[in-house]
PDB file of N, CA and C in Angstrom:
ATOM      1  N   UNK A   1     169.926 122.910 116.468  1.00  0.00           N
ATOM      2  CA  UNK A   1     168.624 123.046 117.080  1.00  0.00           C
ATOM      3  C   UNK A   1     167.516 122.803 116.064  1.00  0.00           C
ATOM      4  N   UNK A   2     167.681 123.340 114.847  1.00  0.00           N
ATOM      5  CA  UNK A   2     166.630 123.183 113.843  1.00  0.00           C
ATOM      6  C   UNK A   2     166.518 121.727 113.386  1.00  0.00           C
ATOM      7  N   UNK A   3     167.619 120.985 113.457  1.00  0.00           N
ATOM      8  CA  UNK A   3     167.577 119.580 113.065  1.00  0.00           C
ATOM      9  C   UNK A   3     166.625 118.795 113.956  1.00  0.00           C
ATOM     10  N   UNK A   4     166.568 119.132 115.228  1.00  0.00           N
ATOM     11  CA  UNK A   4     165.638 118.452 116.133  1.00  0.00           C
ATOM     12  C   UNK A   4     164.189 118.709 115.734  1.00  0.00           C
ATOM     13  N   UNK A   5     163.901 119.927 115.314  1.00  0.00           N
ATOM     14  CA  UNK A   5     162.538 120.241 114.875  1.00  0.00           C
ATOM     15  C   UNK A   5     162.197 119.518 113.578  1.00  0.00           C
ATOM     16  N   UNK A   6     163.181 119.376 112.691  1.00  0.00           N
ATOM     17  CA  UNK A   6     162.934 118.636 111.452  1.00  0.00           C
ATOM     18  C   UNK A   6     162.647 117.166 111.746  1.00  0.00           C
ATOM     19  N   UNK A   7     163.380 116.578 112.671  1.00  0.00           N
ATOM     20  CA  UNK A   7     163.156 115.183 113.035  1.00  0.00           C
ATOM     21  C   UNK A   7     161.785 115.020 113.681  1.00  0.00           C
ATOM     22  N   UNK A   8     161.414 115.947 114.558  1.00  0.00           N
ATOM     23  CA  UNK A   8     160.099 115.898 115.183  1.00  0.00           C
ATOM     24  C   UNK A   8     158.990 116.054 114.142  1.00  0.00           C
ATOM     25  N   UNK A   9     159.191 116.942 113.172  1.00  0.00           N
ATOM     26  CA  UNK A   9     158.187 117.135 112.116  1.00  0.00           C
ATOM     27  C   UNK A   9     158.041 115.867 111.278  1.00  0.00           C
ATOM     28  N   UNK A  10     159.146 115.211 110.961  1.00  0.00           N
ATOM     29  CA  UNK A  10     159.074 113.982 110.172  1.00  0.00           C
ATOM     30  C   UNK A  10     158.373 112.873 110.949  1.00  0.00           C
ATOM     31  N   UNK A  11     158.636 112.789 112.254  1.00  0.00           N
ATOM     32  CA  UNK A  11     157.983 111.778 113.074  1.00  0.00           C
ATOM     33  C   UNK A  11     156.480 112.035 113.167  1.00  0.00           C
ATOM     34  N   UNK A  12     156.098 113.269 113.385  1.00  0.00           N
ATOM     35  CA  UNK A  12     154.673 113.596 113.443  1.00  0.00           C
ATOM     36  C   UNK A  12     153.989 113.343 112.101  1.00  0.00           C
ATOM     37  N   UNK A  13     154.687 113.617 111.009  1.00  0.00           N
ATOM     38  CA  UNK A  13     154.128 113.355 109.689  1.00  0.00           C
ATOM     39  C   UNK A  13     153.926 111.854 109.474  1.00  0.00           C
ATOM     40  N   UNK A  14     154.884 111.052 109.918  1.00  0.00           N
ATOM     41  CA  UNK A  14     154.745 109.601 109.806  1.00  0.00           C
ATOM     42  C   UNK A  14     153.524 109.107 110.588  1.00  0.00           C
ATOM     43  N   UNK A  15     153.366 109.599 111.807  1.00  0.00           N
ATOM     44  CA  UNK A  15     152.210 109.199 112.607  1.00  0.00           C
ATOM     45  C   UNK A  15     150.905 109.706 111.995  1.00  0.00           C
ATOM     46  N   UNK A  16     150.942 110.879 111.362  1.00  0.00           N
ATOM     47  CA  UNK A  16     149.748 111.388 110.688  1.00  0.00           C
ATOM     48  C   UNK A  16     149.368 110.491 109.520  1.00  0.00           C
ATOM     49  N   UNK A  17     150.358 110.024 108.778  1.00  0.00           N
ATOM     50  CA  UNK A  17     150.056 109.121 107.670  1.00  0.00           C
ATOM     51  C   UNK A  17     149.513 107.791 108.161  1.00  0.00           C
ATOM     52  N   UNK A  18     150.059 107.292 109.252  1.00  0.00           N
ATOM     53  CA  UNK A  18     149.555 106.046 109.830  1.00  0.00           C
ATOM     54  C   UNK A  18     148.114 106.234 110.307  1.00  0.00           C
ATOM     55  N   UNK A  19     147.843 107.355 110.944  1.00  0.00           N
ATOM     56  CA  UNK A  19     146.476 107.629 111.424  1.00  0.00           C
ATOM     57  C   UNK A  19     145.502 107.786 110.266  1.00  0.00           C
ATOM     58  N   UNK A  20     145.946 108.414 109.202  1.00  0.00           N
ATOM     59  CA  UNK A  20     145.078 108.553 108.027  1.00  0.00           C
ATOM     60  C   UNK A  20     144.802 107.184 107.412  1.00  0.00           C
ATOM     61  N   UNK A  21     145.808 106.333 107.412  1.00  0.00           N
ATOM     62  CA  UNK A  21     145.607 104.976 106.920  1.00  0.00           C
ATOM     63  C   UNK A  21     144.648 104.188 107.783  1.00  0.00           C
ATOM     64  N   UNK A  22     144.718 104.401 109.086  1.00  0.00           N
ATOM     65  CA  UNK A  22     143.797 103.711 110.000  1.00  0.00           C
ATOM     66  C   UNK A  22     142.363 104.175 109.783  1.00  0.00           C
ATOM     67  N   UNK A  23     142.189 105.399 109.343  1.00  0.00           N
ATOM     68  CA  UNK A  23     140.851 105.898 109.051  1.00  0.00           C
ATOM     69  C   UNK A  23     140.237 105.238 107.826  1.00  0.00           C
ATOM     70  N   UNK A  24     141.091 104.728 106.943  1.00  0.00           N
ATOM     71  CA  UNK A  24     140.601 104.078 105.731  1.00  0.00           C
ATOM     72  C   UNK A  24     140.369 102.577 105.907  1.00  0.00           C
ATOM     73  N   UNK A  25     140.961 101.985 106.944  1.00  0.00           N
ATOM     74  CA  UNK A  25     140.840 100.546 107.181  1.00  0.00           C
ATOM     75  C   UNK A  25     139.470 100.251 107.803  1.00  0.00           C
ATOM     76  N   UNK A  26     138.807  99.204 107.358  1.00  0.00           N
ATOM     77  CA  UNK A  26     137.512  98.866 107.966  1.00  0.00           C
ATOM     78  C   UNK A  26     137.662  98.488 109.442  1.00  0.00           C
ATOM     79  N   UNK A  27     136.600  98.662 110.187  1.00  0.00           N
ATOM     80  CA  UNK A  27     136.667  98.447 111.635  1.00  0.00           C
ATOM     81  C   UNK A  27     136.826  96.984 112.006  1.00  0.00           C
ATOM     82  N   UNK A  28     136.601  96.054 111.090  1.00  0.00           N
ATOM     83  CA  UNK A  28     136.774  94.633 111.425  1.00  0.00           C
ATOM     84  C   UNK A  28     138.242  94.271 111.589  1.00  0.00           C
ATOM     85  N   UNK A  29     139.142  95.071 111.011  1.00  0.00           N
ATOM     86  CA  UNK A  29     140.575  94.814 111.149  1.00  0.00           C
ATOM     87  C   UNK A  29     141.178  95.475 112.378  1.00  0.00           C
ATOM     88  N   UNK A  30     140.377  96.168 113.164  1.00  0.00           N
ATOM     89  CA  UNK A  30     140.875  96.916 114.308  1.00  0.00           C
ATOM     90  C   UNK A  30     140.209  96.445 115.596  1.00  0.00           C
ATOM     91  N   UNK A  31     140.421  95.222 116.025  1.00  0.00           N
ATOM     92  CA  UNK A  31     139.784  94.796 117.282  1.00  0.00           C
ATOM     93  C   UNK A  31     140.390  95.518 118.481  1.00  0.00           C
ATOM     94  N   UNK A  32     139.544  96.085 119.294  1.00  0.00           N
ATOM     95  CA  UNK A  32     139.999  96.777 120.496  1.00  0.00           C
ATOM     96  C   UNK A  32     140.415  98.222 120.275  1.00  0.00           C
ATOM     97  N   UNK A  33     140.455  98.684 119.044  1.00  0.00           N
ATOM     98  CA  UNK A  33     140.829 100.062 118.756  1.00  0.00           C
ATOM     99  C   UNK A  33     139.576 100.866 118.422  1.00  0.00           C
ATOM    100  N   UNK A  34     139.642 102.176 118.562  1.00  0.00           N
ATOM    101  CA  UNK A  34     138.485 102.988 118.183  1.00  0.00           C
ATOM    102  C   UNK A  34     138.153 102.786 116.706  1.00  0.00           C
ATOM    103  N   UNK A  35     136.926 102.414 116.425  1.00  0.00           N
ATOM    104  CA  UNK A  35     136.533 102.091 115.058  1.00  0.00           C
ATOM    105  C   UNK A  35     135.994 103.288 114.309  1.00  0.00           C
ATOM    106  N   UNK A  36     135.860 104.391 114.967  1.00  0.00           N
ATOM    107  CA  UNK A  36     135.296 105.569 114.331  1.00  0.00           C
ATOM    108  C   UNK A  36     136.337 106.177 113.385  1.00  0.00           C
ATOM    109  N   UNK A  37     136.021 106.223 112.099  1.00  0.00           N
ATOM    110  CA  UNK A  37     136.968 106.743 111.111  1.00  0.00           C
ATOM    111  C   UNK A  37     137.226 108.225 111.268  1.00  0.00           C
ATOM    112  N   UNK A  38     136.220 108.954 111.712  1.00  0.00           N
ATOM    113  CA  UNK A  38     136.424 110.393 111.874  1.00  0.00           C
ATOM    114  C   UNK A  38     137.407 110.698 112.991  1.00  0.00           C
ATOM    115  N   UNK A  39     137.451 109.829 113.992  1.00  0.00           N
ATOM    116  CA  UNK A  39     138.435 110.021 115.070  1.00  0.00           C
ATOM    117  C   UNK A  39     139.853 109.896 114.528  1.00  0.00           C
ATOM    118  N   UNK A  40     140.082 108.896 113.684  1.00  0.00           N
ATOM    119  CA  UNK A  40     141.411 108.715 113.103  1.00  0.00           C
ATOM    120  C   UNK A  40     141.756 109.859 112.162  1.00  0.00           C
ATOM    121  N   UNK A  41     140.786 110.319 111.385  1.00  0.00           N
ATOM    122  CA  UNK A  41     141.063 111.425 110.471  1.00  0.00           C
ATOM    123  C   UNK A  41     141.326 112.718 111.231  1.00  0.00           C
ATOM    124  N   UNK A  42     140.609 112.927 112.326  1.00  0.00           N
ATOM    125  CA  UNK A  42     140.856 114.115 113.148  1.00  0.00           C
ATOM    126  C   UNK A  42     142.247 114.060 113.762  1.00  0.00           C
ATOM    127  N   UNK A  43     142.624 112.895 114.264  1.00  0.00           N
ATOM    128  CA  UNK A  43     143.969 112.730 114.825  1.00  0.00           C
ATOM    129  C   UNK A  43     145.028 112.938 113.755  1.00  0.00           C
ATOM    130  N   UNK A  44     144.779 112.420 112.549  1.00  0.00           N
ATOM    131  CA  UNK A  44     145.726 112.612 111.447  1.00  0.00           C
ATOM    132  C   UNK A  44     145.864 114.089 111.102  1.00  0.00           C
ATOM    133  N   UNK A  45     144.754 114.808 111.100  1.00  0.00           N
ATOM    134  CA  UNK A  45     144.795 116.238 110.800  1.00  0.00           C
ATOM    135  C   UNK A  45     145.570 117.002 111.866  1.00  0.00           C
ATOM    136  N   UNK A  46     145.332 116.684 113.125  1.00  0.00           N
ATOM    137  CA  UNK A  46     146.061 117.370 114.205  1.00  0.00           C
ATOM    138  C   UNK A  46     147.558 117.059 114.159  1.00  0.00           C
ATOM    139  N   UNK A  47     147.897 115.809 113.878  1.00  0.00           N
ATOM    140  CA  UNK A  47     149.315 115.456 113.765  1.00  0.00           C
ATOM    141  C   UNK A  47     149.959 116.144 112.567  1.00  0.00           C
ATOM    142  N   UNK A  48     149.213 116.242 111.477  1.00  0.00           N
ATOM    143  CA  UNK A  48     149.735 116.942 110.301  1.00  0.00           C
ATOM    144  C   UNK A  48     149.968 118.416 110.603  1.00  0.00           C
ATOM    145  N   UNK A  49     149.035 119.051 111.292  1.00  0.00           N
ATOM    146  CA  UNK A  49     149.223 120.456 111.669  1.00  0.00           C
ATOM    147  C   UNK A  49     150.416 120.618 112.609  1.00  0.00           C
ATOM    148  N   UNK A  50     150.580 119.677 113.528  1.00  0.00           N
ATOM    149  CA  UNK A  50     151.752 119.715 114.408  1.00  0.00           C
ATOM    150  C   UNK A  50     153.046 119.552 113.638  1.00  0.00           C
ATOM    151  N   UNK A  51     153.052 118.655 112.647  1.00  0.00           N
ATOM    152  CA  UNK A  51     154.242 118.462 111.825  1.00  0.00           C
ATOM    153  C   UNK A  51     154.567 119.711 111.018  1.00  0.00           C
ATOM    154  N   UNK A  52     153.536 120.339 110.460  1.00  0.00           N
ATOM    155  CA  UNK A  52     153.766 121.574 109.710  1.00  0.00           C
ATOM    156  C   UNK A  52     154.281 122.691 110.617  1.00  0.00           C
ATOM    157  N   UNK A  53     153.735 122.773 111.823  1.00  0.00           N
ATOM    158  CA  UNK A  53     154.206 123.782 112.777  1.00  0.00           C
ATOM    159  C   UNK A  53     155.658 123.550 113.180  1.00  0.00           C
ATOM    160  N   UNK A  54     156.012 122.296 113.442  1.00  0.00           N
ATOM    161  CA  UNK A  54     157.405 121.988 113.811  1.00  0.00           C
ATOM    162  C   UNK A  54     158.348 122.255 112.646  1.00  0.00           C
ATOM    163  N   UNK A  55     157.902 121.946 111.436  1.00  0.00           N
ATOM    164  CA  UNK A  55     158.727 122.253 110.264  1.00  0.00           C
ATOM    165  C   UNK A  55     158.943 123.746 110.097  1.00  0.00           C
ATOM    166  N   UNK A  56     157.901 124.517 110.339  1.00  0.00           N
ATOM    167  CA  UNK A  56     158.022 125.977 110.254  1.00  0.00           C
ATOM    168  C   UNK A  56     158.976 126.508 111.318  1.00  0.00           C
ATOM    169  N   UNK A  57     158.850 126.005 112.539  1.00  0.00           N
ATOM    170  CA  UNK A  57     159.755 126.438 113.608  1.00  0.00           C
ATOM    171  C   UNK A  57     161.192 126.053 113.273  1.00  0.00           C
ATOM    172  N   UNK A  58     161.378 124.859 112.704  1.00  0.00           N
ATOM    173  CA  UNK A  58     162.717 124.433 112.309  1.00  0.00           C
ATOM    174  C   UNK A  58     163.318 125.330 111.243  1.00  0.00           C
ATOM    175  N   UNK A  59     162.507 125.706 110.246  1.00  0.00           N
ATOM    176  CA  UNK A  59     163.012 126.590 109.193  1.00  0.00           C
ATOM    177  C   UNK A  59     163.338 127.973 109.732  1.00  0.00           C
ATOM    178  N   UNK A  60     162.463 128.498 110.590  1.00  0.00           N
ATOM    179  CA  UNK A  60     162.722 129.839 111.133  1.00  0.00           C
ATOM    180  C   UNK A  60     163.945 129.848 112.048  1.00  0.00           C
ATOM    181  N   UNK A  61     164.117 128.807 112.861  1.00  0.00           N
ATOM    182  CA  UNK A  61     165.296 128.780 113.737  1.00  0.00           C
ATOM    183  C   UNK A  61     166.570 128.638 112.907  1.00  0.00           C
ATOM    184  N   UNK A  62     166.519 127.851 111.829  1.00  0.00           N
ATOM    185  CA  UNK A  62     167.679 127.742 110.951  1.00  0.00           C
ATOM    186  C   UNK A  62     167.980 129.077 110.282  1.00  0.00           C
ATOM    187  N   UNK A  63     166.935 129.788 109.876  1.00  0.00           N
ATOM    188  CA  UNK A  63     167.107 131.095 109.257  1.00  0.00           C
ATOM    189  C   UNK A  63     167.765 132.082 110.222  1.00  0.00           C
ATOM    190  N   UNK A  64     167.280 132.121 111.459  1.00  0.00           N
ATOM    191  CA  UNK A  64     167.853 133.058 112.423  1.00  0.00           C
ATOM    192  C   UNK A  64     169.266 132.661 112.841  1.00  0.00           C
ATOM    193  N   UNK A  65     169.567 131.364 112.886  1.00  0.00           N
ATOM    194  CA  UNK A  65     170.940 130.939 113.164  1.00  0.00           C
ATOM    195  C   UNK A  65     171.876 131.401 112.048  1.00  0.00           C
ATOM    196  N   UNK A  66     171.409 131.306 110.811  1.00  0.00           N
ATOM    197  CA  UNK A  66     172.221 131.738 109.680  1.00  0.00           C
ATOM    198  C   UNK A  66     172.440 133.245 109.709  1.00  0.00           C
ATOM    199  N   UNK A  67     171.417 134.002 110.050  1.00  0.00           N
ATOM    200  CA  UNK A  67     171.556 135.462 110.139  1.00  0.00           C
ATOM    201  C   UNK A  67     172.537 135.828 111.242  1.00  0.00           C
ATOM    202  N   UNK A  68     172.452 135.167 112.386  1.00  0.00           N
ATOM    203  CA  UNK A  68     173.395 135.440 113.476  1.00  0.00           C
ATOM    204  C   UNK A  68     174.821 135.113 113.066  1.00  0.00           C
ATOM    205  N   UNK A  69     174.994 133.997 112.373  1.00  0.00           N
ATOM    206  CA  UNK A  69     176.333 133.601 111.951  1.00  0.00           C
ATOM    207  C   UNK A  69     176.905 134.601 110.951  1.00  0.00           C
ATOM    208  N   UNK A  70     176.097 135.037 110.001  1.00  0.00           N
ATOM    209  CA  UNK A  70     176.594 135.987 109.001  1.00  0.00           C
ATOM    210  C   UNK A  70     176.866 137.362 109.606  1.00  0.00           C
ATOM    211  N   UNK A  71     176.036 137.791 110.543  1.00  0.00           N
ATOM    212  CA  UNK A  71     176.286 139.094 111.155  1.00  0.00           C
ATOM    213  C   UNK A  71     177.557 139.046 111.999  1.00  0.00           C
ATOM    214  N   UNK A  72     177.805 137.919 112.651  1.00  0.00           N
ATOM    215  CA  UNK A  72     179.042 137.782 113.425  1.00  0.00           C
ATOM    216  C   UNK A  72     180.256 137.790 112.507  1.00  0.00           C
ATOM    217  N   UNK A  73     180.155 137.136 111.366  1.00  0.00           N
ATOM    218  CA  UNK A  73     181.267 137.141 110.410  1.00  0.00           C
ATOM    219  C   UNK A  73     181.515 138.540 109.858  1.00  0.00           C
ATOM    220  N   UNK A  74     180.467 139.267 109.564  1.00  0.00           N
ATOM    221  CA  UNK A  74     180.647 140.619 109.039  1.00  0.00           C
ATOM    222  C   UNK A  74     181.237 141.541 110.105  1.00  0.00           C
ATOM    223  N   UNK A  75     180.844 141.351 111.360  1.00  0.00           N
ATOM    224  CA  UNK A  75     181.442 142.154 112.433  1.00  0.00           C
ATOM    225  C   UNK A  75     182.934 141.859 112.567  1.00  0.00           C
ATOM    226  N   UNK A  76     183.308 140.601 112.451  1.00  0.00           N
ATOM    227  CA  UNK A  76     184.722 140.251 112.572  1.00  0.00           C
ATOM    228  C   UNK A  76     185.538 140.795 111.408  1.00  0.00           C
ATOM    229  N   UNK A  77     185.014 140.720 110.188  1.00  0.00           N
ATOM    230  CA  UNK A  77     185.754 141.259 109.047  1.00  0.00           C
ATOM    231  C   UNK A  77     185.864 142.779 109.137  1.00  0.00           C
ATOM    232  N   UNK A  78     184.819 143.428 109.615  1.00  0.00           N
ATOM    233  CA  UNK A  78     184.884 144.891 109.785  1.00  0.00           C
ATOM    234  C   UNK A  78     185.908 145.260 110.854  1.00  0.00           C
ATOM    235  N   UNK A  79     185.957 144.498 111.925  1.00  0.00           N
ATOM    236  CA  UNK A  79     186.929 144.739 112.987  1.00  0.00           C
ATOM    237  C   UNK A  79     188.361 144.550 112.476  1.00  0.00           C
ATOM    238  N   UNK A  80     188.556 143.525 111.639  1.00  0.00           N
ATOM    239  CA  UNK A  80     189.898 143.302 111.076  1.00  0.00           C
ATOM    240  C   UNK A  80     190.290 144.413 110.115  1.00  0.00           C
ATOM    241  N   UNK A  81     189.359 144.930 109.341  1.00  0.00           N
ATOM    242  CA  UNK A  81     189.645 146.050 108.440  1.00  0.00           C
ATOM    243  C   UNK A  81     190.042 147.300 109.210  1.00  0.00           C
ATOM    244  N   UNK A  82     189.345 147.560 110.321  1.00  0.00           N
ATOM    245  CA  UNK A  82     189.689 148.735 111.132  1.00  0.00           C
ATOM    246  C   UNK A  82     191.071 148.586 111.747  1.00  0.00           C
ATOM    247  N   UNK A  83     191.422 147.381 112.123  1.00  0.00           N
ATOM    248  CA  UNK A  83     192.761 147.158 112.684  1.00  0.00           C
ATOM    249  C   UNK A  83     193.842 147.365 111.635  1.00  0.00           C
ATOM    250  N   UNK A  84     193.563 146.969 110.399  1.00  0.00           N
ATOM    251  CA  UNK A  84     194.551 147.141 109.332  1.00  0.00           C
ATOM    252  C   UNK A  84     194.709 148.613 108.958  1.00  0.00           C
ATOM    253  N   UNK A  85     193.651 149.379 109.038  1.00  0.00           N
ATOM    254  CA  UNK A  85     193.690 150.814 108.688  1.00  0.00           C
ATOM    255  C   UNK A  85     194.362 151.652 109.765  1.00  0.00           C
ATOM    256  N   UNK A  86     194.335 151.145 110.978  1.00  0.00           N
ATOM    257  CA  UNK A  86     194.903 151.916 112.105  1.00  0.00           C
ATOM    258  C   UNK A  86     196.411 152.104 111.885  1.00  0.00           C
ATOM    259  N   UNK A  87     196.878 153.346 112.021  1.00  0.00           N
ATOM    260  CA  UNK A  87     198.327 153.575 111.852  1.00  0.00           C
ATOM    261  C   UNK A  87     199.103 152.952 113.016  1.00  0.00           C
ATOM    262  N   UNK A  88     200.222 152.360 112.654  1.00  0.00           N
ATOM    263  CA  UNK A  88     201.055 151.720 113.676  1.00  0.00           C
ATOM    264  C   UNK A  88     202.100 152.709 114.170  1.00  0.00           C
ATOM    265  N   UNK A  89     202.294 152.763 115.476  1.00  0.00           N
ATOM    266  CA  UNK A  89     203.266 153.745 115.995  1.00  0.00           C
ATOM    267  C   UNK A  89     204.695 153.318 115.799  1.00  0.00           C
TER     268      UNK A  89
END
């Protein structure tokens, strides 16, 4: 699950870099596109914030998956220890 968030964060970061680059290009190279540089920089900033948010969600979901996996392993080892300690009739 966290891998999907990492891929989404990388894609949003790529689009943010492209948008930031478009903000630096003069308007004569952009026929038919919005020529306002602040619009491109604002879009780049929003995409960057989205990428950072997706990266954070990806890290937190990976962290919680790891905690769940380790707690399940510790429960299983504790259960096996109790079975070994139990006297056999």
